[in-house]
Amino acid sequence: MPYSLLLDYYWWNIDPFDKLGQFCDKGPSYLSAIFVANESERALAEQSRQKVVSQFPNREVVTPILDTSTFYPIKGEESYHQDYYKHNAFQYNLYRWRCGRDSRLIDIWGSSGE
């Protein structure tokens, strides 16, 4: 998948205006960010961010673009969070509905996600 398409998909799945987290989940662990590994990715990320900023001139886009760093996979008791939507589809869909995630995304991006 081209990185530019991945960025489009990313934007359509977040609230770029939420300074506190995403949807019902608040706190530093839930803040949105785009991580880039090189200057080519940074240029594409900046271009995609600017497109969102231009699309919403009266809103502050708070999603930063950051350099990648060491990734530490989840281990131990917290590993049940990985792929939760696959292993607990009913609970995950209930969470999405109760949290208003999908309706918020439609409010921001429209029903087509574009």
Protein backbone atom coordinates (compact mmCIF):
# COMPACT_ATOMS: atom_id res chain seq x y z
CA MET A 1 0.00 0.00 0.00
CA PRO A 2 1.47 3.39 -0.91
CA TYR A 3 2.34 5.56 2.08
CA SER A 4 0.11 8.37 0.78
CA LEU A 5 -2.90 6.03 0.76
CA LEU A 6 -2.05 4.87 4.26
CA LEU A 7 -2.05 8.52 5.37
CA ASP A 8 -5.47 9.12 3.80
CA TYR A 9 -6.84 6.06 5.56
CA TYR A 10 -5.30 7.23 8.85
CA TRP A 11 -6.90 10.68 8.70
CA TRP A 12 -10.34 9.19 7.95
CA ASN A 13 -10.10 7.11 11.12
CA ILE A 14 -9.11 9.75 13.65
CA ASP A 15 -10.43 13.00 15.07
CA PRO A 16 -7.58 15.40 14.19
CA PHE A 17 -9.03 18.13 16.43
CA ASP A 18 -9.11 16.26 19.77
CA LYS A 19 -6.30 17.50 22.04
CA LEU A 20 -7.15 15.00 24.78
CA GLY A 21 -7.18 11.66 22.95
CA GLN A 22 -9.55 9.88 20.61
CA PHE A 23 -13.29 9.52 21.06
CA CYS A 24 -13.98 7.99 24.52
CA ASP A 25 -10.33 7.27 25.17
CA LYS A 26 -8.51 10.20 26.74
CA GLY A 27 -4.96 10.63 27.94
CA PRO A 28 -1.43 10.67 26.50
CA SER A 29 -1.64 7.07 25.25
CA TYR A 30 -4.58 7.97 23.01
CA LEU A 31 -3.27 11.11 21.33
CA SER A 32 -3.10 10.99 17.54
CA ALA A 33 0.26 11.30 15.77
CA ILE A 34 1.89 10.42 12.47
CA PHE A 35 5.31 8.81 12.77
CA VAL A 36 7.78 9.13 9.91
CA ALA A 37 10.95 7.16 9.26
CA ASN A 38 12.60 9.38 6.65
CA GLU A 39 12.37 12.67 4.75
CA SER A 40 10.24 11.16 1.99
CA GLU A 41 7.64 10.04 4.51
CA ARG A 42 7.86 13.41 6.27
CA ALA A 43 7.16 15.27 3.02
CA LEU A 44 4.12 13.08 2.29
CA ALA A 45 2.89 13.41 5.88
CA GLU A 46 3.27 17.19 5.84
CA GLN A 47 1.43 17.34 2.52
CA SER A 48 -1.43 15.22 3.86
CA ARG A 49 -1.62 17.25 7.07
CA GLN A 50 -1.75 20.49 5.08
CA LYS A 51 -4.60 19.07 3.02
CA VAL A 52 -6.58 18.48 6.24
CA VAL A 53 -5.69 21.95 7.57
CA SER A 54 -6.91 23.48 4.29
CA GLN A 55 -10.10 21.43 4.41
CA PHE A 56 -10.91 22.76 7.91
CA PRO A 57 -9.66 26.38 7.97
CA ASN A 58 -11.58 27.25 11.14
CA ARG A 59 -10.36 24.27 13.19
CA GLU A 60 -7.02 23.51 14.80
CA VAL A 61 -5.51 20.24 13.57
CA VAL A 62 -3.59 18.95 16.59
CA THR A 63 -2.15 15.75 15.10
CA PRO A 64 1.65 16.18 15.04
CA ILE A 65 4.19 14.60 12.72
CA LEU A 66 6.95 12.95 14.73
CA ASP A 67 10.13 11.03 14.04
CA THR A 68 9.92 7.30 14.66
CA SER A 69 11.58 5.95 17.75
CA THR A 70 12.06 2.56 19.32
CA PHE A 71 8.81 0.62 19.42
CA TYR A 72 8.20 -1.58 22.42
CA PRO A 73 5.49 -4.19 21.77
CA ILE A 74 2.91 -4.82 24.47
CA LYS A 75 3.76 -7.84 26.60
CA GLY A 76 2.22 -9.60 29.55
CA GLU A 77 -1.22 -8.78 30.94
CA GLU A 78 -1.81 -5.85 28.57
CA SER A 79 -1.30 -7.94 25.42
CA TYR A 80 -5.04 -8.71 25.24
CA HIS A 81 -5.46 -5.23 23.74
CA GLN A 82 -3.70 -6.36 20.54
CA ASP A 83 -6.27 -7.18 17.83
CA TYR A 84 -9.11 -6.76 20.35
CA TYR A 85 -11.52 -6.00 17.52
CA LYS A 86 -10.82 -9.42 15.99
CA HIS A 87 -11.10 -11.47 19.17
CA ASN A 88 -14.02 -9.57 20.71
CA ALA A 89 -15.98 -8.29 17.73
CA PHE A 90 -19.29 -7.84 19.52
CA GLN A 91 -17.78 -5.93 22.46
CA TYR A 92 -15.66 -3.81 20.15
CA ASN A 93 -18.62 -2.84 17.96
CA LEU A 94 -20.67 -2.03 21.05
CA TYR A 95 -17.83 0.16 22.31
CA ARG A 96 -17.64 1.97 18.96
CA TRP A 97 -21.38 2.62 18.98
CA ARG A 98 -21.61 3.71 22.63
CA CYS A 99 -18.55 5.91 22.26
CA GLY A 100 -19.95 7.66 19.19
CA ARG A 101 -16.79 6.95 17.20
CA ASP A 102 -18.46 6.24 13.88
CA SER A 103 -20.92 9.13 14.10
CA ARG A 104 -18.06 11.50 15.01
CA LEU A 105 -16.05 10.32 12.00
CA ILE A 106 -19.06 10.91 9.74
CA ASP A 107 -19.48 14.39 11.27
CA ILE A 108 -15.88 15.20 10.40
CA TRP A 109 -15.27 13.42 7.11
CA GLY A 110 -18.73 12.66 5.71
CA SER A 111 -20.19 9.27 5.01
CA SER A 112 -17.63 8.37 2.34
CA GLY A 113 -14.62 9.18 4.52
CA GLU A 114 -13.35 11.70 2.02
